[in-house]
N, C-alpha and C. Protein backbone atom coordinates (compact mmCIF):
# COMPACT_ATOMS: atom_id res chain seq x y z
N THR A 1 60.83 68.26 -30.19
CA THR A 1 60.28 67.46 -28.98
C THR A 1 60.83 67.66 -27.69
N SER A 2 60.39 67.90 -26.74
CA SER A 2 61.32 67.96 -25.55
C SER A 2 60.91 67.33 -24.63
N GLY A 3 61.10 67.43 -23.35
CA GLY A 3 60.88 66.67 -22.03
C GLY A 3 60.66 64.97 -22.24
N THR A 4 59.85 64.40 -21.73
CA THR A 4 59.51 63.27 -21.78
C THR A 4 59.06 62.31 -22.84
N ALA A 5 58.20 63.49 -23.77
CA ALA A 5 57.95 62.83 -24.58
C ALA A 5 58.85 62.56 -26.28
N ALA A 6 60.44 62.81 -25.91
CA ALA A 6 61.35 63.20 -26.65
C ALA A 6 61.74 61.75 -27.13
N ARG A 7 61.79 61.31 -28.05
CA ARG A 7 62.57 60.02 -28.40
C ARG A 7 63.48 59.62 -29.54
N PRO A 8 64.62 60.45 -29.08
CA PRO A 8 65.71 60.22 -29.80
C PRO A 8 66.52 58.81 -30.18
N SER A 9 66.68 58.90 -31.19
CA SER A 9 67.58 57.30 -31.97
C SER A 9 68.64 57.60 -31.09
N SER A 10 69.44 56.18 -31.27
CA SER A 10 70.42 56.02 -30.97
C SER A 10 71.47 56.89 -31.26
N ALA A 11 71.71 57.17 -32.61
CA ALA A 11 72.46 57.89 -33.34
C ALA A 11 72.57 59.37 -32.84
N GLU A 12 71.39 59.76 -32.72
CA GLU A 12 71.12 61.13 -32.07
C GLU A 12 71.75 61.03 -31.07
N VAL A 13 71.44 60.27 -30.17
CA VAL A 13 72.00 60.55 -28.39
C VAL A 13 73.55 60.29 -28.47
N VAL A 14 74.16 59.27 -29.49
CA VAL A 14 75.56 59.51 -29.45
C VAL A 14 75.97 60.80 -30.28
N ALA A 15 75.57 61.30 -31.29
CA ALA A 15 75.68 62.33 -31.91
C ALA A 15 76.17 63.47 -30.61
N LEU A 16 75.14 64.05 -29.90
CA LEU A 16 74.70 64.89 -28.77
C LEU A 16 75.91 64.79 -28.13
N HIS A 17 76.14 63.57 -27.52
CA HIS A 17 77.19 62.99 -26.29
C HIS A 17 78.09 63.69 -26.82
N ARG A 18 78.66 62.92 -28.15
CA ARG A 18 80.48 63.35 -28.68
C ARG A 18 80.06 65.09 -29.14
N GLU A 19 79.46 65.93 -29.09
CA GLU A 19 79.20 67.35 -29.26
C GLU A 19 79.55 67.64 -27.89
N ARG A 20 78.76 67.37 -27.04
CA ARG A 20 78.99 67.85 -25.71
C ARG A 20 80.14 67.21 -25.16
N ARG A 21 80.81 65.94 -25.31
CA ARG A 21 82.13 65.67 -25.13
C ARG A 21 82.99 66.56 -25.29
N ALA A 22 82.93 66.86 -26.85
CA ALA A 22 84.19 67.64 -27.57
C ALA A 22 84.20 69.44 -26.62
N ARG A 23 82.99 69.69 -26.49
CA ARG A 23 83.04 71.16 -25.78
C ARG A 23 83.57 71.30 -24.55
N PHE A 24 83.39 69.97 -23.56
CA PHE A 24 83.78 69.97 -22.45
C PHE A 24 85.03 69.63 -22.38
N THR A 25 86.14 68.92 -23.46
CA THR A 25 87.24 68.77 -23.79
C THR A 25 87.83 69.93 -24.26
N ASP A 26 86.95 70.91 -25.16
CA ASP A 26 87.77 72.01 -25.10
C ASP A 26 87.56 73.14 -23.83
N LEU A 27 86.87 72.92 -23.55
CA LEU A 27 86.96 73.81 -21.85
C LEU A 27 88.11 73.07 -20.96
N LEU A 28 88.34 72.02 -21.09
CA LEU A 28 89.69 71.85 -19.78
C LEU A 28 90.95 72.00 -20.57
N LEU A 29 90.89 72.04 -22.13
CA LEU A 29 92.32 72.31 -22.23
C LEU A 29 92.43 73.85 -22.34
N ARG A 30 91.21 74.79 -22.12
CA ARG A 30 91.75 76.41 -21.90
C ARG A 30 91.42 76.31 -20.38
N VAL A 31 91.04 75.91 -19.65
CA VAL A 31 90.91 76.49 -18.36
C VAL A 31 92.10 76.54 -17.83
N THR A 32 92.82 77.58 -16.92
CA THR A 32 93.99 77.15 -16.01
C THR A 32 93.91 76.97 -14.68
N ASP A 33 94.75 77.16 -13.95
CA ASP A 33 95.13 76.91 -12.63
C ASP A 33 94.45 78.23 -11.94
N ALA A 34 94.57 79.08 -12.67
CA ALA A 34 94.58 80.49 -12.07
C ALA A 34 92.81 80.50 -12.12
N ASP A 35 91.92 79.74 -13.08
CA ASP A 35 90.68 79.97 -12.89
C ASP A 35 89.82 79.14 -12.25
N LEU A 36 90.41 78.48 -11.62
CA LEU A 36 89.61 76.86 -11.04
C LEU A 36 88.91 77.64 -9.57
N PRO A 37 89.56 78.59 -8.83
CA PRO A 37 89.20 79.16 -7.68
C PRO A 37 87.89 79.72 -8.03
N ARG A 38 87.93 80.64 -9.02
CA ARG A 38 87.03 81.96 -9.90
C ARG A 38 85.73 81.38 -9.58
N VAL A 39 84.81 82.07 -8.78
CA VAL A 39 83.60 81.98 -8.89
C VAL A 39 83.00 82.54 -10.43
N ARG A 40 81.99 81.75 -10.90
CA ARG A 40 81.31 82.04 -11.99
C ARG A 40 79.64 82.29 -11.28
N THR A 41 78.86 82.90 -11.90
CA THR A 41 77.40 82.79 -11.73
C THR A 41 76.62 82.40 -13.21
N ALA A 42 75.73 82.11 -13.14
CA ALA A 42 74.60 81.45 -14.00
C ALA A 42 73.48 81.59 -13.68
N VAL A 43 72.29 81.68 -14.53
CA VAL A 43 71.07 81.46 -14.19
C VAL A 43 70.70 80.21 -14.79
N LEU A 44 70.87 78.68 -14.32
CA LEU A 44 70.39 77.45 -14.95
C LEU A 44 68.85 77.47 -15.43
N SER A 45 68.17 77.96 -14.35
CA SER A 45 66.62 77.95 -14.76
C SER A 45 66.10 79.18 -14.03
N PRO A 46 65.32 79.77 -14.80
CA PRO A 46 64.49 80.88 -14.08
C PRO A 46 64.14 80.50 -12.74
N ASP A 47 63.56 79.29 -12.75
CA ASP A 47 62.71 79.00 -11.49
C ASP A 47 63.54 78.86 -10.25
N TRP A 48 65.19 78.26 -10.49
CA TRP A 48 66.12 78.43 -9.63
C TRP A 48 66.68 79.62 -9.44
N GLY A 49 66.70 80.48 -10.17
CA GLY A 49 67.57 81.89 -9.78
C GLY A 49 68.86 81.69 -10.20
N GLU A 50 69.38 83.08 -9.71
CA GLU A 50 71.08 82.86 -9.95
C GLU A 50 71.79 81.93 -9.38
N GLU A 51 72.82 81.27 -9.88
CA GLU A 51 73.32 80.36 -8.57
C GLU A 51 75.09 80.75 -9.15
N SER A 52 76.31 80.67 -8.05
CA SER A 52 77.38 80.81 -7.95
C SER A 52 78.17 79.65 -7.42
N PHE A 53 79.33 79.23 -8.27
CA PHE A 53 80.42 78.17 -7.80
C PHE A 53 81.46 78.46 -8.50
N PRO A 54 82.88 78.07 -7.84
CA PRO A 54 83.88 78.03 -8.25
C PRO A 54 83.53 77.20 -9.39
N VAL A 55 84.99 77.50 -10.16
CA VAL A 55 84.87 76.86 -11.43
C VAL A 55 85.25 75.50 -11.18
N LEU A 56 86.12 75.04 -9.95
CA LEU A 56 86.98 73.42 -9.94
C LEU A 56 84.98 72.66 -9.54
N GLU A 57 84.57 73.51 -8.85
CA GLU A 57 83.25 72.86 -7.54
C GLU A 57 82.74 72.59 -9.37
N SER A 58 82.39 73.61 -10.45
CA SER A 58 81.76 73.12 -11.11
C SER A 58 82.06 71.64 -12.20
N LEU A 59 83.48 71.63 -12.34
CA LEU A 59 83.92 70.66 -13.29
C LEU A 59 84.00 69.73 -12.73
N THR A 60 84.06 69.33 -11.08
CA THR A 60 83.81 68.16 -10.24
C THR A 60 82.19 67.80 -10.39
N VAL A 61 81.33 68.43 -10.58
CA VAL A 61 80.10 67.82 -10.47
C VAL A 61 79.85 67.24 -11.89
N VAL A 62 80.39 67.89 -13.03
CA VAL A 62 80.56 67.14 -14.32
C VAL A 62 81.16 65.63 -14.54
N VAL A 63 82.33 66.18 -14.21
CA VAL A 63 83.17 64.91 -14.07
C VAL A 63 82.44 63.73 -12.99
N ARG A 64 81.92 63.93 -12.28
CA ARG A 64 81.81 63.05 -11.41
C ARG A 64 79.74 62.39 -11.65
N GLY A 65 79.32 63.33 -12.39
CA GLY A 65 77.75 62.92 -12.98
C GLY A 65 78.21 62.07 -13.78
N HIS A 66 78.95 62.31 -14.72
CA HIS A 66 79.57 61.58 -16.13
C HIS A 66 80.17 60.24 -15.54
N ALA A 67 80.88 60.04 -14.54
CA ALA A 67 80.97 58.94 -14.11
C ALA A 67 79.79 58.20 -13.55
N ASP A 68 79.37 58.60 -12.80
CA ASP A 68 77.84 57.83 -12.30
C ASP A 68 76.79 57.61 -13.55
N HIS A 69 76.63 58.14 -14.19
CA HIS A 69 76.25 57.91 -15.57
C HIS A 69 76.86 56.51 -15.91
N LEU A 70 78.10 56.78 -16.47
CA LEU A 70 78.82 55.24 -16.97
C LEU A 70 78.41 54.26 -16.00
N ARG A 71 78.78 54.34 -14.89
CA ARG A 71 78.70 53.26 -14.09
C ARG A 71 77.26 52.74 -14.03
N PHE A 72 76.07 53.43 -13.90
CA PHE A 72 74.94 52.77 -13.89
C PHE A 72 74.71 52.31 -15.27
N ALA A 73 75.30 52.63 -16.41
CA ALA A 73 75.07 52.40 -17.70
C ALA A 73 75.56 51.06 -17.87
N GLN A 74 76.62 50.46 -17.02
CA GLN A 74 77.48 49.38 -17.28
C GLN A 74 76.54 48.74 -16.45
N ARG A 75 76.18 49.00 -15.22
CA ARG A 75 75.24 48.16 -14.57
C ARG A 75 74.20 47.71 -15.04
N ASP A 76 73.83 48.75 -15.45
CA ASP A 76 72.10 47.84 -16.45
C ASP A 76 72.65 47.25 -17.69
N LEU A 77 73.65 47.30 -18.48
CA LEU A 77 74.03 46.39 -19.76
C LEU A 77 74.40 45.25 -19.12
N ALA A 78 74.71 44.55 -18.06
CA ALA A 78 75.19 43.73 -17.35
C ALA A 78 74.12 42.98 -16.91
N THR A 79 72.82 43.70 -16.50
CA THR A 79 72.01 42.86 -16.12
C THR A 79 71.01 42.69 -17.06
N ILE A 80 70.93 43.57 -18.22
CA ILE A 80 70.30 42.99 -19.77
C ILE A 80 70.92 41.97 -20.03
N GLU A 81 72.16 41.83 -20.21
CA GLU A 81 72.98 40.78 -20.89
C GLU A 81 72.83 39.51 -20.12
N GLN A 82 72.47 39.67 -18.16
CA GLN A 82 72.46 38.33 -17.94
C GLN A 82 70.99 37.85 -17.95
N ARG A 83 70.21 38.85 -18.21
CA ARG A 83 68.92 38.52 -18.30
C ARG A 83 68.63 37.68 -19.57
N SER A 84 69.32 38.37 -20.67
CA SER A 84 69.10 37.67 -22.10
C SER A 84 69.70 36.96 -22.76
N ALA A 85 71.25 36.03 -21.64
CA ALA A 85 72.17 35.16 -22.11
C ALA A 85 70.99 33.89 -21.93
N PRO A 86 71.38 32.89 -22.69
CA PRO A 86 70.69 31.77 -22.87
C PRO A 86 71.52 30.76 -21.72
N ALA A 87 70.40 29.72 -20.93
CA ALA A 87 70.61 28.87 -19.66
C ALA A 87 71.22 27.73 -20.04
């Protein structure tokens, strides 16, 4: 199943997150200072076409995106906890 019809279990989400985090950690362990300014090109989606970015910019996007998702998740969990706390 894909798209909005997907309903993964929390265990599936955690497993996928761990796998992707491990891949990213492995990448960070292999990247060198000389790699950071190098431009890489990829086709992320046929609709978007080809895009090129320096390695450092791509890594920055991933790290900032993860930090933003974590911040929003913590905010949302705090809101849920406040709503479910006994009065």
